[in-house]
């Protein structure tokens, strides 16, 4: 019996491209990569890297940049979970790990006042990736 595939990854993909289209309509060039990300994990990583490079090139950071990169990560990872037919608890772990990046970002902004200059968005994004990898390794 073939399992029915979920398409939860369409939600962050739609939000991602709604935000990116608000920035610049040329970002819709990334839409085919986003659609292919629903099928192949390598395309999900390509979407994540291309969105990251776009944000870096245009110097878009802060909560806005962190939100965009979080949606790109959610798209790639939720598509992977959709393909594997993962239980709903795995989606909650992923969402929790991504949402933890925002308090960490706020903490880094607060600490940046008292410490030498740090790139707060970069540190928060790094924490996001490290935290998610840690949670993924511990739950497998």
N, C-alpha and C. Protein backbone atom coordinates (compact mmCIF):
# COMPACT_ATOMS: atom_id res chain seq x y z
N UNK A 1 0.84 -1.18 0.00
CA UNK A 1 0.00 0.00 0.00
C UNK A 1 0.88 1.24 0.00
N UNK A 2 0.62 2.15 -0.89
CA UNK A 2 1.41 3.36 -1.01
C UNK A 2 0.89 4.43 -0.04
N UNK A 3 1.82 5.06 0.65
CA UNK A 3 1.45 6.11 1.59
C UNK A 3 1.06 7.38 0.84
N UNK A 4 0.08 8.07 1.37
CA UNK A 4 -0.33 9.33 0.79
C UNK A 4 0.65 10.42 1.22
N UNK A 5 1.13 11.18 0.26
CA UNK A 5 2.14 12.20 0.55
C UNK A 5 1.48 13.47 1.04
N UNK A 6 2.05 14.02 2.09
CA UNK A 6 1.59 15.30 2.62
C UNK A 6 2.27 16.43 1.86
N UNK A 7 1.64 17.57 1.86
CA UNK A 7 2.23 18.73 1.19
C UNK A 7 2.29 19.93 2.12
N UNK A 8 2.71 19.69 3.36
CA UNK A 8 2.85 20.78 4.32
C UNK A 8 3.92 21.78 3.88
N UNK A 9 4.87 21.33 3.08
CA UNK A 9 5.97 22.20 2.66
C UNK A 9 5.51 23.30 1.71
N UNK A 10 4.31 23.21 1.18
CA UNK A 10 3.80 24.28 0.33
C UNK A 10 3.52 25.56 1.12
N UNK A 11 3.22 25.42 2.40
CA UNK A 11 2.90 26.60 3.23
C UNK A 11 4.11 27.52 3.37
N UNK A 12 5.28 27.01 3.85
CA UNK A 12 6.42 27.93 3.93
C UNK A 12 6.92 28.38 2.55
N UNK A 13 6.75 27.53 1.52
CA UNK A 13 7.17 27.93 0.18
C UNK A 13 6.34 29.11 -0.32
N UNK A 14 5.03 29.05 -0.12
CA UNK A 14 4.15 30.15 -0.54
C UNK A 14 4.47 31.43 0.24
N UNK A 15 4.67 31.30 1.55
CA UNK A 15 5.03 32.48 2.36
C UNK A 15 6.38 33.06 1.93
N UNK A 16 7.34 32.18 1.64
CA UNK A 16 8.66 32.62 1.22
C UNK A 16 8.58 33.44 -0.06
N UNK A 17 7.86 32.96 -1.04
CA UNK A 17 7.80 33.69 -2.30
C UNK A 17 6.89 34.90 -2.24
N UNK A 18 5.94 34.93 -1.32
CA UNK A 18 5.16 36.15 -1.11
C UNK A 18 6.06 37.25 -0.56
N UNK A 19 6.93 36.88 0.39
CA UNK A 19 7.85 37.86 0.96
C UNK A 19 8.90 38.28 -0.06
N UNK A 20 9.46 37.30 -0.79
CA UNK A 20 10.49 37.62 -1.78
C UNK A 20 9.94 38.48 -2.92
N UNK A 21 8.70 38.22 -3.33
CA UNK A 21 8.09 39.04 -4.39
C UNK A 21 7.88 40.46 -3.91
N UNK A 22 7.64 40.63 -2.61
CA UNK A 22 7.52 41.98 -2.05
C UNK A 22 8.84 42.73 -2.08
N UNK A 23 9.94 42.00 -1.99
CA UNK A 23 11.26 42.64 -2.07
C UNK A 23 11.58 43.08 -3.49
N UNK A 24 11.43 42.12 -4.41
CA UNK A 24 11.78 42.37 -5.80
C UNK A 24 11.13 41.29 -6.64
N UNK A 25 10.47 41.67 -7.72
CA UNK A 25 9.80 40.67 -8.55
C UNK A 25 10.79 39.73 -9.23
N UNK A 26 12.05 40.15 -9.37
CA UNK A 26 13.05 39.28 -9.98
C UNK A 26 13.37 38.07 -9.13
N UNK A 27 13.02 38.11 -7.87
CA UNK A 27 13.27 36.95 -7.02
C UNK A 27 12.37 35.77 -7.39
N UNK A 28 11.34 36.02 -8.18
CA UNK A 28 10.48 34.93 -8.63
C UNK A 28 11.21 34.00 -9.59
N UNK A 29 12.41 34.38 -10.01
CA UNK A 29 13.25 33.47 -10.80
C UNK A 29 13.58 32.23 -9.98
N UNK A 30 13.61 32.36 -8.67
CA UNK A 30 13.91 31.24 -7.79
C UNK A 30 12.73 30.29 -7.62
N UNK A 31 11.56 30.64 -8.14
CA UNK A 31 10.38 29.81 -7.97
C UNK A 31 10.54 28.40 -8.54
N UNK A 32 11.13 28.21 -9.73
CA UNK A 32 11.33 26.82 -10.20
C UNK A 32 12.20 26.00 -9.25
N UNK A 33 13.22 26.62 -8.69
CA UNK A 33 14.05 25.90 -7.72
C UNK A 33 13.22 25.53 -6.49
N UNK A 34 12.36 26.44 -6.07
CA UNK A 34 11.48 26.16 -4.94
C UNK A 34 10.53 25.02 -5.21
N UNK A 35 9.98 24.96 -6.41
CA UNK A 35 9.08 23.87 -6.75
C UNK A 35 9.83 22.54 -6.86
N UNK A 36 11.04 22.59 -7.39
CA UNK A 36 11.85 21.36 -7.45
C UNK A 36 12.30 20.92 -6.06
N UNK A 37 12.36 21.86 -5.13
CA UNK A 37 12.75 21.52 -3.76
C UNK A 37 11.72 20.61 -3.11
N UNK A 38 10.50 20.66 -3.60
CA UNK A 38 9.47 19.79 -3.05
C UNK A 38 9.72 18.33 -3.43
N UNK A 39 10.50 18.12 -4.47
CA UNK A 39 10.76 16.77 -4.96
C UNK A 39 12.14 16.23 -4.56
N UNK A 40 13.16 17.09 -4.63
CA UNK A 40 14.54 16.65 -4.37
C UNK A 40 15.17 17.49 -3.27
N UNK A 41 15.85 16.81 -2.37
CA UNK A 41 16.49 17.48 -1.24
C UNK A 41 17.61 18.40 -1.72
N UNK A 42 18.34 17.99 -2.75
CA UNK A 42 19.44 18.83 -3.25
C UNK A 42 18.92 20.15 -3.79
N UNK A 43 17.73 20.14 -4.36
CA UNK A 43 17.14 21.40 -4.83
C UNK A 43 16.69 22.25 -3.65
N UNK A 44 16.31 21.61 -2.56
CA UNK A 44 15.98 22.36 -1.35
C UNK A 44 17.19 23.08 -0.80
N UNK A 45 18.35 22.40 -0.84
CA UNK A 45 19.58 23.05 -0.42
C UNK A 45 19.97 24.16 -1.38
N UNK A 46 19.73 23.95 -2.67
CA UNK A 46 20.02 25.00 -3.66
C UNK A 46 19.13 26.22 -3.41
N UNK A 47 17.87 25.99 -3.07
CA UNK A 47 16.96 27.10 -2.74
C UNK A 47 17.47 27.84 -1.50
N UNK A 48 17.85 27.09 -0.47
CA UNK A 48 18.36 27.68 0.77
C UNK A 48 19.60 28.53 0.49
N UNK A 49 20.53 27.99 -0.30
CA UNK A 49 21.76 28.73 -0.61
C UNK A 49 21.50 29.94 -1.49
N UNK A 50 20.62 29.82 -2.48
CA UNK A 50 20.35 30.95 -3.36
C UNK A 50 19.64 32.08 -2.63
N UNK A 51 18.71 31.73 -1.75
CA UNK A 51 18.04 32.76 -0.94
C UNK A 51 19.05 33.42 0.00
N UNK A 52 19.94 32.61 0.58
CA UNK A 52 20.98 33.16 1.46
C UNK A 52 21.89 34.13 0.71
N UNK A 53 22.31 33.73 -0.48
CA UNK A 53 23.18 34.61 -1.28
C UNK A 53 22.46 35.89 -1.68
N UNK A 54 21.18 35.79 -2.00
CA UNK A 54 20.41 36.99 -2.34
C UNK A 54 20.36 37.95 -1.15
N UNK A 55 20.10 37.42 0.03
CA UNK A 55 20.02 38.27 1.22
C UNK A 55 21.37 38.90 1.54
N UNK A 56 22.44 38.13 1.38
CA UNK A 56 23.77 38.67 1.64
C UNK A 56 24.12 39.75 0.62
N UNK A 57 23.85 39.48 -0.65
CA UNK A 57 24.19 40.43 -1.71
C UNK A 57 23.46 41.75 -1.54
N UNK A 58 22.20 41.69 -1.15
CA UNK A 58 21.42 42.92 -0.98
C UNK A 58 21.44 43.45 0.45
N UNK A 59 22.25 42.84 1.29
CA UNK A 59 22.43 43.26 2.68
C UNK A 59 21.10 43.39 3.43
N UNK A 60 20.31 42.35 3.31
CA UNK A 60 19.03 42.29 4.00
C UNK A 60 19.23 41.42 5.23
N UNK A 61 19.04 42.00 6.38
CA UNK A 61 19.25 41.26 7.62
C UNK A 61 18.13 41.54 8.60
N UNK A 62 18.47 41.43 9.83
CA UNK A 62 17.49 41.67 10.88
C UNK A 62 16.46 40.57 10.95
N UNK A 63 15.37 40.88 11.60
CA UNK A 63 14.27 39.92 11.73
C UNK A 63 13.73 39.55 10.36
N UNK A 64 13.72 40.50 9.46
CA UNK A 64 13.21 40.25 8.11
C UNK A 64 14.05 39.19 7.40
N UNK A 65 15.35 39.36 7.41
CA UNK A 65 16.24 38.39 6.78
C UNK A 65 16.20 37.04 7.46
N UNK A 66 16.12 37.04 8.79
CA UNK A 66 16.03 35.80 9.53
C UNK A 66 14.72 35.07 9.22
N UNK A 67 13.65 35.81 9.04
CA UNK A 67 12.37 35.20 8.67
C UNK A 67 12.44 34.55 7.30
N UNK A 68 13.06 35.25 6.35
CA UNK A 68 13.16 34.71 4.99
C UNK A 68 14.02 33.44 4.99
N UNK A 69 15.15 33.47 5.65
CA UNK A 69 16.03 32.29 5.66
C UNK A 69 15.38 31.15 6.44
N UNK A 70 14.60 31.46 7.46
CA UNK A 70 13.88 30.42 8.20
C UNK A 70 12.83 29.75 7.33
N UNK A 71 12.14 30.53 6.51
CA UNK A 71 11.15 29.96 5.60
C UNK A 71 11.81 29.09 4.54
N UNK A 72 12.98 29.49 4.07
CA UNK A 72 13.70 28.67 3.09
C UNK A 72 14.12 27.34 3.72
N UNK A 73 14.60 27.39 4.96
CA UNK A 73 14.97 26.16 5.65
C UNK A 73 13.75 25.28 5.91
N UNK A 74 12.66 25.90 6.33
CA UNK A 74 11.43 25.14 6.56
C UNK A 74 10.94 24.46 5.29
N UNK A 75 11.04 25.15 4.15
CA UNK A 75 10.61 24.56 2.89
C UNK A 75 11.42 23.32 2.57
N UNK A 76 12.73 23.42 2.65
CA UNK A 76 13.60 22.29 2.31
C UNK A 76 13.37 21.12 3.26
N UNK A 77 13.32 21.38 4.54
CA UNK A 77 13.21 20.30 5.52
C UNK A 77 11.81 19.72 5.59
N UNK A 78 10.78 20.56 5.45
CA UNK A 78 9.42 20.03 5.45
C UNK A 78 9.16 19.19 4.20
N UNK A 79 9.75 19.57 3.09
CA UNK A 79 9.61 18.75 1.88
C UNK A 79 10.25 17.38 2.10
N UNK A 80 11.39 17.36 2.78
CA UNK A 80 12.05 16.09 3.11
C UNK A 80 11.14 15.25 4.01
N UNK A 81 10.56 15.88 5.02
CA UNK A 81 9.66 15.15 5.91
C UNK A 81 8.41 14.67 5.17
N UNK A 82 7.92 15.48 4.24
CA UNK A 82 6.77 15.08 3.42
C UNK A 82 7.09 13.83 2.60
N UNK A 83 8.26 13.82 1.99
CA UNK A 83 8.65 12.67 1.17
C UNK A 83 8.81 11.41 1.99
N UNK A 84 9.32 11.54 3.20
CA UNK A 84 9.55 10.38 4.06
C UNK A 84 8.29 9.93 4.80
N UNK A 85 7.24 10.73 4.75
CA UNK A 85 6.03 10.39 5.49
C UNK A 85 6.25 10.40 6.99
N UNK A 86 6.99 11.39 7.46
CA UNK A 86 7.35 11.49 8.88
C UNK A 86 6.11 11.76 9.74
N UNK A 87 6.17 11.33 11.00
CA UNK A 87 5.06 11.64 11.90
C UNK A 87 4.98 13.14 12.19
N UNK A 88 3.84 13.56 12.63
CA UNK A 88 3.61 15.00 12.86
C UNK A 88 4.51 15.57 13.94
N UNK A 89 5.01 14.72 14.84
CA UNK A 89 5.90 15.20 15.89
C UNK A 89 7.20 15.74 15.30
N UNK A 90 7.65 15.16 14.20
CA UNK A 90 8.88 15.63 13.56
C UNK A 90 8.69 17.04 12.99
N UNK A 91 7.50 17.32 12.49
CA UNK A 91 7.21 18.66 12.01
C UNK A 91 7.24 19.66 13.17
N UNK A 92 6.73 19.25 14.32
CA UNK A 92 6.74 20.14 15.49
C UNK A 92 8.16 20.40 15.98
N UNK A 93 9.01 19.38 15.94
CA UNK A 93 10.42 19.56 16.33
C UNK A 93 11.09 20.53 15.39
N UNK A 94 10.87 20.37 14.09
CA UNK A 94 11.44 21.28 13.09
C UNK A 94 10.95 22.71 13.32
N UNK A 95 9.66 22.87 13.49
CA UNK A 95 9.09 24.20 13.71
C UNK A 95 9.62 24.82 15.00
N UNK A 96 9.74 24.01 16.05
CA UNK A 96 10.29 24.51 17.31
C UNK A 96 11.73 24.96 17.18
N UNK A 97 12.53 24.17 16.45
CA UNK A 97 13.93 24.54 16.26
C UNK A 97 14.06 25.85 15.48
N UNK A 98 13.24 26.01 14.47
CA UNK A 98 13.29 27.24 13.67
C UNK A 98 12.79 28.43 14.48
N UNK A 99 11.74 28.23 15.24
CA UNK A 99 11.22 29.35 16.03
C UNK A 99 12.16 29.77 17.16
N UNK A 100 13.04 28.87 17.60
CA UNK A 100 14.01 29.23 18.63
C UNK A 100 15.07 30.20 18.11
N UNK A 101 15.19 30.33 16.81
CA UNK A 101 16.16 31.28 16.25
C UNK A 101 15.77 32.72 16.59
N UNK A 102 14.49 33.00 16.72
CA UNK A 102 14.05 34.37 16.96
C UNK A 102 14.38 34.86 18.37
N UNK A 103 14.16 34.06 19.43
CA UNK A 103 14.62 34.52 20.75
C UNK A 103 16.14 34.61 20.83
N UNK A 104 16.82 33.71 20.13
CA UNK A 104 18.29 33.78 20.12
C UNK A 104 18.74 35.06 19.43
N UNK A 105 18.07 35.43 18.34
CA UNK A 105 18.39 36.68 17.65
C UNK A 105 18.17 37.86 18.60
N UNK A 106 17.06 37.86 19.31
CA UNK A 106 16.77 38.95 20.25
C UNK A 106 17.82 39.01 21.35
N UNK A 107 18.22 37.86 21.84
CA UNK A 107 19.28 37.81 22.85
C UNK A 107 20.59 38.36 22.29
N UNK A 108 20.92 38.01 21.06
CA UNK A 108 22.17 38.49 20.45
C UNK A 108 22.12 40.01 20.22
N UNK A 109 20.97 40.53 19.84
CA UNK A 109 20.84 41.98 19.69
C UNK A 109 21.07 42.67 21.03
N UNK A 110 20.51 42.10 22.09
CA UNK A 110 20.68 42.66 23.43
C UNK A 110 22.15 42.58 23.85
N UNK A 111 22.79 41.42 23.63
CA UNK A 111 24.19 41.25 24.04
C UNK A 111 25.16 42.06 23.19
N UNK A 112 24.76 42.39 21.97
CA UNK A 112 25.64 43.15 21.09
C UNK A 112 25.93 44.55 21.64
N UNK A 113 25.06 45.05 22.48
CA UNK A 113 25.29 46.37 23.08
C UNK A 113 26.48 46.34 24.04
N UNK A 114 26.72 45.18 24.64
CA UNK A 114 27.73 45.08 25.68
C UNK A 114 29.00 44.37 25.24
N UNK A 115 29.00 43.75 24.10
CA UNK A 115 30.15 42.98 23.62
C UNK A 115 30.71 43.64 22.37
N UNK A 116 31.88 43.20 21.94
CA UNK A 116 32.40 43.72 20.68
C UNK A 116 31.41 43.43 19.55
N UNK A 117 31.49 44.20 18.52
CA UNK A 117 30.52 44.13 17.42
C UNK A 117 30.42 42.72 16.83
N UNK A 118 29.23 42.18 16.81
CA UNK A 118 28.95 40.88 16.21
C UNK A 118 27.92 41.07 15.10
N UNK A 119 27.99 40.25 14.11
CA UNK A 119 26.94 40.25 13.10
C UNK A 119 25.81 39.41 13.66
N UNK A 120 24.81 40.07 14.19
CA UNK A 120 23.76 39.42 14.96
C UNK A 120 22.95 38.45 14.10
N UNK A 121 22.59 38.85 12.91
CA UNK A 121 21.79 37.98 12.06
C UNK A 121 22.55 36.72 11.69
N UNK A 122 23.82 36.86 11.40
CA UNK A 122 24.63 35.70 11.05
C UNK A 122 24.76 34.73 12.20
N UNK A 123 24.95 35.26 13.40
CA UNK A 123 25.07 34.40 14.58
C UNK A 123 23.75 33.70 14.86
N UNK A 124 22.63 34.42 14.74
CA UNK A 124 21.32 33.80 14.97
C UNK A 124 21.04 32.73 13.92
N UNK A 125 21.39 32.99 12.66
CA UNK A 125 21.19 31.98 11.61
C UNK A 125 22.08 30.76 11.86
N UNK A 126 23.30 31.00 12.33
CA UNK A 126 24.19 29.89 12.66
C UNK A 126 23.61 29.06 13.81
N UNK A 127 23.09 29.73 14.83
CA UNK A 127 22.43 29.02 15.93
C UNK A 127 21.24 28.21 15.42
N UNK A 128 20.49 28.78 14.49
CA UNK A 128 19.35 28.08 13.91
C UNK A 128 19.77 26.77 13.28
N UNK A 129 20.80 26.81 12.45
CA UNK A 129 21.26 25.62 11.76
C UNK A 129 21.85 24.61 12.74
N UNK A 130 22.67 25.07 13.68
CA UNK A 130 23.28 24.16 14.65
C UNK A 130 22.22 23.53 15.55
N UNK A 131 21.27 24.31 15.99
CA UNK A 131 20.22 23.78 16.85
C UNK A 131 19.38 22.75 16.10
N UNK A 132 19.04 23.05 14.86
CA UNK A 132 18.25 22.09 14.09
C UNK A 132 19.03 20.80 13.85
N UNK A 133 20.30 20.92 13.49
CA UNK A 133 21.11 19.71 13.28
C UNK A 133 21.21 18.88 14.56
N UNK A 134 21.37 19.55 15.69
CA UNK A 134 21.42 18.85 16.97
C UNK A 134 20.12 18.12 17.24
N UNK A 135 18.99 18.81 17.05
CA UNK A 135 17.69 18.18 17.30
C UNK A 135 17.44 17.02 16.33
N UNK A 136 17.87 17.20 15.10
CA UNK A 136 17.68 16.13 14.11
C UNK A 136 18.52 14.89 14.45
N UNK A 137 19.75 15.11 14.88
CA UNK A 137 20.61 13.97 15.23
C UNK A 137 20.11 13.26 16.48
N UNK A 138 19.59 14.00 17.43
CA UNK A 138 19.14 13.37 18.66
C UNK A 138 17.83 12.64 18.51
N UNK A 139 17.00 13.03 17.55
CA UNK A 139 15.70 12.38 17.38
C UNK A 139 15.75 11.22 16.40
N UNK A 140 16.82 11.08 15.63
CA UNK A 140 16.89 9.95 14.67
C UNK A 140 17.31 8.67 15.32
